[in-house]
Amino acid sequence: MANTARKPASHLRIAQTNDPAPTPAAPPAAILIDDPKAPEFFASACCGFSIGQGNVTLTFETARCNHFDPNSTMSRVVVGRIVLPVQAAQALVLQLNSALQQSGLSPSQAVTAGMVVQ
């Protein structure tokens, strides 16, 4: 009869690696679809903003007059608002500042040259 006794488990080796645990894959980024029919508006200024409940609200204005009144003066009219989560507003500031600097329109240089917020 053949010896079928099992060898002790001490002869088995457990593979050890120094590799860290695999990091979970980031979800794929959402695809941006550029809608040519998306609304667009012109604003001559950002007349105010507020921060609350985790959002930043930007209010935009432009100058308008009443063409039916010959004595009409220009009025500042609110033309739209944009509400962004705080993180999106921070990203917008960084991206806009970077784009302006790359175009030679640095906001910090404008302030140094005397530009004031109105």
N, C-alpha and C. Protein backbone atom coordinates (compact mmCIF):
# COMPACT_ATOMS: atom_id res chain seq x y z
N MET A 1 0.84 -1.16 0.00
CA MET A 1 0.00 0.00 0.00
C MET A 1 0.89 1.23 0.00
N ALA A 2 0.58 2.19 -0.83
CA ALA A 2 1.40 3.40 -0.97
C ALA A 2 1.14 4.33 0.20
N ASN A 3 2.20 5.09 0.50
CA ASN A 3 2.09 6.04 1.60
C ASN A 3 1.37 7.29 1.09
N THR A 4 0.16 7.53 1.55
CA THR A 4 -0.62 8.68 1.11
C THR A 4 -0.70 9.74 2.19
N ALA A 5 0.18 9.65 3.14
CA ALA A 5 0.17 10.64 4.22
C ALA A 5 0.52 12.00 3.65
N ARG A 6 -0.15 12.97 4.14
CA ARG A 6 0.07 14.35 3.67
C ARG A 6 1.28 14.95 4.36
N LYS A 7 1.98 15.78 3.60
CA LYS A 7 3.11 16.50 4.20
C LYS A 7 2.54 17.62 5.06
N PRO A 8 3.26 17.97 6.09
CA PRO A 8 2.76 19.07 6.92
C PRO A 8 2.66 20.36 6.10
N ALA A 9 1.76 21.21 6.51
CA ALA A 9 1.50 22.46 5.79
C ALA A 9 2.70 23.39 5.81
N SER A 10 3.70 23.11 6.61
CA SER A 10 4.87 23.99 6.71
C SER A 10 5.64 24.08 5.40
N HIS A 11 5.43 23.16 4.49
CA HIS A 11 6.16 23.22 3.23
C HIS A 11 5.50 24.20 2.24
N LEU A 12 4.29 24.66 2.56
CA LEU A 12 3.60 25.63 1.68
C LEU A 12 4.12 27.02 1.99
N ARG A 13 4.31 27.80 0.97
CA ARG A 13 4.75 29.18 1.16
C ARG A 13 3.62 30.11 0.75
N ILE A 14 3.44 31.14 1.52
CA ILE A 14 2.44 32.15 1.17
C ILE A 14 3.18 33.26 0.44
N ALA A 15 2.69 33.56 -0.74
CA ALA A 15 3.33 34.62 -1.53
C ALA A 15 3.11 35.95 -0.86
N GLN A 16 4.18 36.66 -0.65
CA GLN A 16 4.08 37.99 -0.06
C GLN A 16 4.55 39.01 -1.08
N THR A 17 3.81 40.07 -1.15
CA THR A 17 4.19 41.15 -2.07
C THR A 17 4.27 42.44 -1.28
N ASN A 18 5.04 43.35 -1.79
CA ASN A 18 5.15 44.67 -1.19
C ASN A 18 4.24 45.66 -1.90
N ASP A 19 3.45 45.17 -2.85
CA ASP A 19 2.55 46.04 -3.58
C ASP A 19 1.42 46.50 -2.66
N PRO A 20 1.11 47.80 -2.70
CA PRO A 20 -0.02 48.27 -1.88
C PRO A 20 -1.32 47.71 -2.44
N ALA A 21 -2.34 47.80 -1.64
CA ALA A 21 -3.65 47.35 -2.09
C ALA A 21 -4.02 48.13 -3.35
N PRO A 22 -4.66 47.48 -4.29
CA PRO A 22 -5.01 48.20 -5.52
C PRO A 22 -5.98 49.34 -5.21
N THR A 23 -5.73 50.47 -5.86
CA THR A 23 -6.62 51.61 -5.66
C THR A 23 -7.81 51.45 -6.58
N PRO A 24 -8.98 51.78 -6.08
CA PRO A 24 -10.15 51.66 -6.94
C PRO A 24 -10.06 52.64 -8.10
N ALA A 25 -10.51 52.20 -9.23
CA ALA A 25 -10.47 53.06 -10.42
C ALA A 25 -11.47 54.20 -10.26
N ALA A 26 -11.05 55.38 -10.68
CA ALA A 26 -11.93 56.54 -10.62
C ALA A 26 -13.05 56.35 -11.64
N PRO A 27 -14.24 56.82 -11.31
CA PRO A 27 -15.31 56.69 -12.29
C PRO A 27 -14.97 57.51 -13.53
N PRO A 28 -15.39 57.06 -14.69
CA PRO A 28 -15.07 57.83 -15.90
C PRO A 28 -15.69 59.21 -15.84
N ALA A 29 -14.97 60.19 -16.36
CA ALA A 29 -15.47 61.57 -16.37
C ALA A 29 -16.69 61.66 -17.28
N ALA A 30 -17.61 62.48 -16.88
CA ALA A 30 -18.80 62.68 -17.70
C ALA A 30 -18.40 63.36 -19.00
N ILE A 31 -19.01 62.96 -20.08
CA ILE A 31 -18.73 63.54 -21.38
C ILE A 31 -19.44 64.89 -21.49
N LEU A 32 -18.73 65.91 -21.97
CA LEU A 32 -19.31 67.23 -22.17
C LEU A 32 -19.96 67.28 -23.54
N ILE A 33 -21.23 67.63 -23.57
CA ILE A 33 -21.95 67.79 -24.83
C ILE A 33 -22.18 69.29 -25.02
N ASP A 34 -21.64 69.84 -26.07
CA ASP A 34 -21.77 71.28 -26.35
C ASP A 34 -23.07 71.49 -27.12
N ASP A 35 -24.03 72.11 -26.46
CA ASP A 35 -25.33 72.38 -27.08
C ASP A 35 -25.30 73.77 -27.70
N PRO A 36 -25.30 73.86 -29.04
CA PRO A 36 -25.25 75.18 -29.68
C PRO A 36 -26.50 76.02 -29.42
N LYS A 37 -27.55 75.41 -28.89
CA LYS A 37 -28.78 76.16 -28.60
C LYS A 37 -28.87 76.56 -27.13
N ALA A 38 -27.80 76.35 -26.37
CA ALA A 38 -27.82 76.73 -24.95
C ALA A 38 -27.97 78.24 -24.85
N PRO A 39 -28.73 78.71 -23.86
CA PRO A 39 -28.93 80.16 -23.74
C PRO A 39 -27.62 80.89 -23.45
N GLU A 40 -27.52 82.07 -23.98
CA GLU A 40 -26.33 82.90 -23.79
C GLU A 40 -26.82 84.32 -23.52
N PHE A 41 -26.14 85.02 -22.64
CA PHE A 41 -26.52 86.41 -22.39
C PHE A 41 -25.27 87.26 -22.27
N PHE A 42 -25.43 88.54 -22.53
CA PHE A 42 -24.34 89.49 -22.39
C PHE A 42 -24.56 90.26 -21.10
N ALA A 43 -23.50 90.46 -20.36
CA ALA A 43 -23.55 91.28 -19.15
C ALA A 43 -22.36 92.22 -19.19
N SER A 44 -22.59 93.47 -18.80
CA SER A 44 -21.48 94.43 -18.78
C SER A 44 -20.74 94.41 -17.45
N ALA A 45 -21.33 93.77 -16.43
CA ALA A 45 -20.67 93.71 -15.12
C ALA A 45 -21.30 92.64 -14.26
N CYS A 46 -20.53 92.21 -13.28
CA CYS A 46 -21.06 91.38 -12.21
C CYS A 46 -21.34 92.36 -11.08
N CYS A 47 -22.61 92.60 -10.79
CA CYS A 47 -22.95 93.65 -9.84
C CYS A 47 -23.02 93.17 -8.39
N GLY A 48 -22.90 91.89 -8.18
CA GLY A 48 -22.92 91.43 -6.80
C GLY A 48 -22.82 89.92 -6.72
N PHE A 49 -22.56 89.47 -5.51
CA PHE A 49 -22.51 88.04 -5.27
C PHE A 49 -22.89 87.78 -3.83
N SER A 50 -23.28 86.55 -3.57
CA SER A 50 -23.54 86.13 -2.20
C SER A 50 -23.05 84.71 -2.04
N ILE A 51 -22.70 84.37 -0.80
CA ILE A 51 -22.23 83.03 -0.49
C ILE A 51 -23.09 82.51 0.65
N GLY A 52 -23.70 81.37 0.43
CA GLY A 52 -24.53 80.78 1.47
C GLY A 52 -25.00 79.40 1.10
N GLN A 53 -25.20 78.58 2.11
CA GLN A 53 -25.71 77.22 1.95
C GLN A 53 -24.87 76.40 0.97
N GLY A 54 -23.55 76.67 0.96
CA GLY A 54 -22.65 75.91 0.11
C GLY A 54 -22.63 76.34 -1.34
N ASN A 55 -23.24 77.49 -1.65
CA ASN A 55 -23.30 77.98 -3.03
C ASN A 55 -22.81 79.43 -3.12
N VAL A 56 -22.33 79.78 -4.30
CA VAL A 56 -21.98 81.16 -4.61
C VAL A 56 -22.94 81.62 -5.70
N THR A 57 -23.62 82.73 -5.46
CA THR A 57 -24.54 83.29 -6.45
C THR A 57 -23.94 84.56 -7.02
N LEU A 58 -23.76 84.59 -8.33
CA LEU A 58 -23.24 85.76 -9.03
C LEU A 58 -24.40 86.44 -9.75
N THR A 59 -24.53 87.76 -9.58
CA THR A 59 -25.60 88.51 -10.23
C THR A 59 -24.97 89.44 -11.26
N PHE A 60 -25.51 89.40 -12.48
CA PHE A 60 -24.95 90.16 -13.60
C PHE A 60 -25.91 91.25 -14.05
N GLU A 61 -25.32 92.33 -14.57
CA GLU A 61 -26.10 93.49 -15.02
C GLU A 61 -25.61 93.97 -16.38
N THR A 62 -26.45 94.78 -17.00
CA THR A 62 -26.04 95.51 -18.20
C THR A 62 -26.83 96.82 -18.23
N ALA A 63 -26.31 97.80 -18.97
CA ALA A 63 -26.97 99.11 -19.07
C ALA A 63 -28.05 99.04 -20.14
N ARG A 64 -29.22 99.58 -19.82
CA ARG A 64 -30.32 99.62 -20.77
C ARG A 64 -31.06 100.94 -20.62
N CYS A 65 -31.74 101.30 -21.69
CA CYS A 65 -32.56 102.51 -21.62
C CYS A 65 -33.93 102.22 -22.21
N ASN A 66 -34.88 103.09 -21.89
CA ASN A 66 -36.23 102.98 -22.41
C ASN A 66 -36.28 103.78 -23.71
N HIS A 67 -36.34 103.09 -24.84
CA HIS A 67 -36.32 103.76 -26.14
C HIS A 67 -37.62 104.48 -26.45
N PHE A 68 -38.67 104.25 -25.67
CA PHE A 68 -39.94 104.92 -25.90
C PHE A 68 -40.02 106.27 -25.18
N ASP A 69 -39.09 106.52 -24.29
CA ASP A 69 -39.05 107.78 -23.55
C ASP A 69 -37.87 108.60 -24.05
N PRO A 70 -38.11 109.74 -24.73
CA PRO A 70 -37.00 110.53 -25.27
C PRO A 70 -36.09 111.10 -24.18
N ASN A 71 -36.56 111.19 -22.96
CA ASN A 71 -35.76 111.72 -21.85
C ASN A 71 -35.19 110.62 -20.96
N SER A 72 -35.27 109.40 -21.42
CA SER A 72 -34.83 108.27 -20.61
C SER A 72 -33.33 108.30 -20.37
N THR A 73 -32.96 107.92 -19.19
CA THR A 73 -31.55 107.77 -18.86
C THR A 73 -31.22 106.28 -18.82
N MET A 74 -29.96 105.98 -18.82
CA MET A 74 -29.54 104.59 -18.75
C MET A 74 -29.83 104.03 -17.36
N SER A 75 -30.25 102.80 -17.35
CA SER A 75 -30.50 102.10 -16.09
C SER A 75 -29.64 100.84 -16.04
N ARG A 76 -29.26 100.46 -14.84
CA ARG A 76 -28.56 99.19 -14.64
C ARG A 76 -29.63 98.13 -14.40
N VAL A 77 -29.64 97.12 -15.26
CA VAL A 77 -30.68 96.10 -15.20
C VAL A 77 -30.03 94.74 -14.97
N VAL A 78 -30.55 94.00 -14.00
CA VAL A 78 -30.08 92.63 -13.77
C VAL A 78 -30.52 91.78 -14.95
N VAL A 79 -29.55 91.08 -15.56
CA VAL A 79 -29.85 90.26 -16.74
C VAL A 79 -29.70 88.76 -16.47
N GLY A 80 -29.17 88.41 -15.32
CA GLY A 80 -29.06 86.98 -15.02
C GLY A 80 -28.29 86.71 -13.76
N ARG A 81 -28.46 85.48 -13.29
CA ARG A 81 -27.74 85.01 -12.11
C ARG A 81 -27.19 83.63 -12.40
N ILE A 82 -26.05 83.34 -11.82
CA ILE A 82 -25.46 82.01 -11.90
C ILE A 82 -25.22 81.56 -10.47
N VAL A 83 -25.67 80.35 -10.16
CA VAL A 83 -25.45 79.78 -8.84
C VAL A 83 -24.54 78.57 -9.01
N LEU A 84 -23.41 78.59 -8.29
CA LEU A 84 -22.43 77.52 -8.37
C LEU A 84 -22.14 76.97 -6.98
N PRO A 85 -21.94 75.64 -6.86
CA PRO A 85 -21.42 75.14 -5.58
C PRO A 85 -20.06 75.79 -5.31
N VAL A 86 -19.72 75.95 -4.04
CA VAL A 86 -18.47 76.63 -3.67
C VAL A 86 -17.27 76.06 -4.42
N GLN A 87 -17.14 74.74 -4.49
CA GLN A 87 -15.98 74.14 -5.17
C GLN A 87 -15.96 74.51 -6.65
N ALA A 88 -17.11 74.57 -7.29
CA ALA A 88 -17.15 74.95 -8.70
C ALA A 88 -16.77 76.42 -8.86
N ALA A 89 -17.19 77.27 -7.92
CA ALA A 89 -16.82 78.69 -7.97
C ALA A 89 -15.32 78.86 -7.79
N GLN A 90 -14.73 78.09 -6.87
CA GLN A 90 -13.28 78.15 -6.68
C GLN A 90 -12.55 77.72 -7.94
N ALA A 91 -13.03 76.66 -8.57
CA ALA A 91 -12.41 76.18 -9.81
C ALA A 91 -12.53 77.25 -10.90
N LEU A 92 -13.69 77.91 -10.95
CA LEU A 92 -13.89 78.97 -11.95
C LEU A 92 -12.89 80.10 -11.74
N VAL A 93 -12.69 80.51 -10.49
CA VAL A 93 -11.73 81.59 -10.19
C VAL A 93 -10.33 81.20 -10.65
N LEU A 94 -9.92 79.98 -10.33
CA LEU A 94 -8.58 79.53 -10.71
C LEU A 94 -8.42 79.45 -12.23
N GLN A 95 -9.41 78.88 -12.91
CA GLN A 95 -9.33 78.74 -14.36
C GLN A 95 -9.38 80.10 -15.05
N LEU A 96 -10.24 80.99 -14.57
CA LEU A 96 -10.35 82.32 -15.18
C LEU A 96 -9.08 83.12 -14.94
N ASN A 97 -8.53 83.06 -13.73
CA ASN A 97 -7.28 83.76 -13.44
C ASN A 97 -6.16 83.24 -14.33
N SER A 98 -6.07 81.93 -14.49
CA SER A 98 -5.03 81.34 -15.34
C SER A 98 -5.20 81.77 -16.79
N ALA A 99 -6.41 81.74 -17.30
CA ALA A 99 -6.66 82.14 -18.70
C ALA A 99 -6.34 83.61 -18.91
N LEU A 100 -6.71 84.46 -17.95
CA LEU A 100 -6.41 85.89 -18.09
C LEU A 100 -4.90 86.14 -18.05
N GLN A 101 -4.19 85.45 -17.16
CA GLN A 101 -2.74 85.62 -17.10
C GLN A 101 -2.08 85.17 -18.39
N GLN A 102 -2.53 84.04 -18.94
CA GLN A 102 -1.95 83.54 -20.19
C GLN A 102 -2.22 84.49 -21.36
N SER A 103 -3.29 85.27 -21.25
CA SER A 103 -3.63 86.24 -22.30
C SER A 103 -3.00 87.60 -22.05
N GLY A 104 -2.16 87.71 -21.01
CA GLY A 104 -1.52 88.98 -20.70
C GLY A 104 -2.44 89.95 -19.98
N LEU A 105 -3.51 89.44 -19.37
CA LEU A 105 -4.49 90.29 -18.68
C LEU A 105 -4.57 89.92 -17.20
N SER A 106 -3.42 89.83 -16.56
CA SER A 106 -3.34 89.38 -15.18
C SER A 106 -4.17 90.26 -14.24
N PRO A 107 -5.10 89.66 -13.48
CA PRO A 107 -5.87 90.45 -12.52
C PRO A 107 -5.00 91.13 -11.47
N SER A 108 -3.96 90.45 -10.98
CA SER A 108 -3.12 91.08 -9.96
C SER A 108 -2.35 92.26 -10.53
N GLN A 109 -1.92 92.17 -11.79
CA GLN A 109 -1.24 93.32 -12.40
C GLN A 109 -2.22 94.47 -12.61
N ALA A 110 -3.48 94.17 -12.92
CA ALA A 110 -4.49 95.22 -13.09
C ALA A 110 -4.71 95.96 -11.78
N VAL A 111 -4.76 95.22 -10.67
CA VAL A 111 -4.93 95.86 -9.36
C VAL A 111 -3.71 96.70 -9.03
N THR A 112 -2.51 96.20 -9.30
CA THR A 112 -1.28 96.95 -9.06
C THR A 112 -1.25 98.22 -9.88
N ALA A 113 -1.83 98.17 -11.08
CA ALA A 113 -1.85 99.35 -11.96
C ALA A 113 -2.94 100.34 -11.57
N GLY A 114 -3.75 100.00 -10.54
CA GLY A 114 -4.75 100.95 -10.08
C GLY A 114 -6.18 100.58 -10.36
N MET A 115 -6.46 99.44 -10.96
CA MET A 115 -7.85 99.05 -11.22
C MET A 115 -8.56 98.83 -9.91
N VAL A 116 -9.77 99.35 -9.81
CA VAL A 116 -10.58 99.15 -8.61
C VAL A 116 -11.88 98.43 -8.99
N VAL A 117 -12.37 97.63 -8.06
CA VAL A 117 -13.64 96.94 -8.28
C VAL A 117 -14.76 97.95 -8.11
N GLN A 118 -15.67 97.99 -9.05
CA GLN A 118 -16.77 98.96 -8.98
C GLN A 118 -18.07 98.29 -8.68
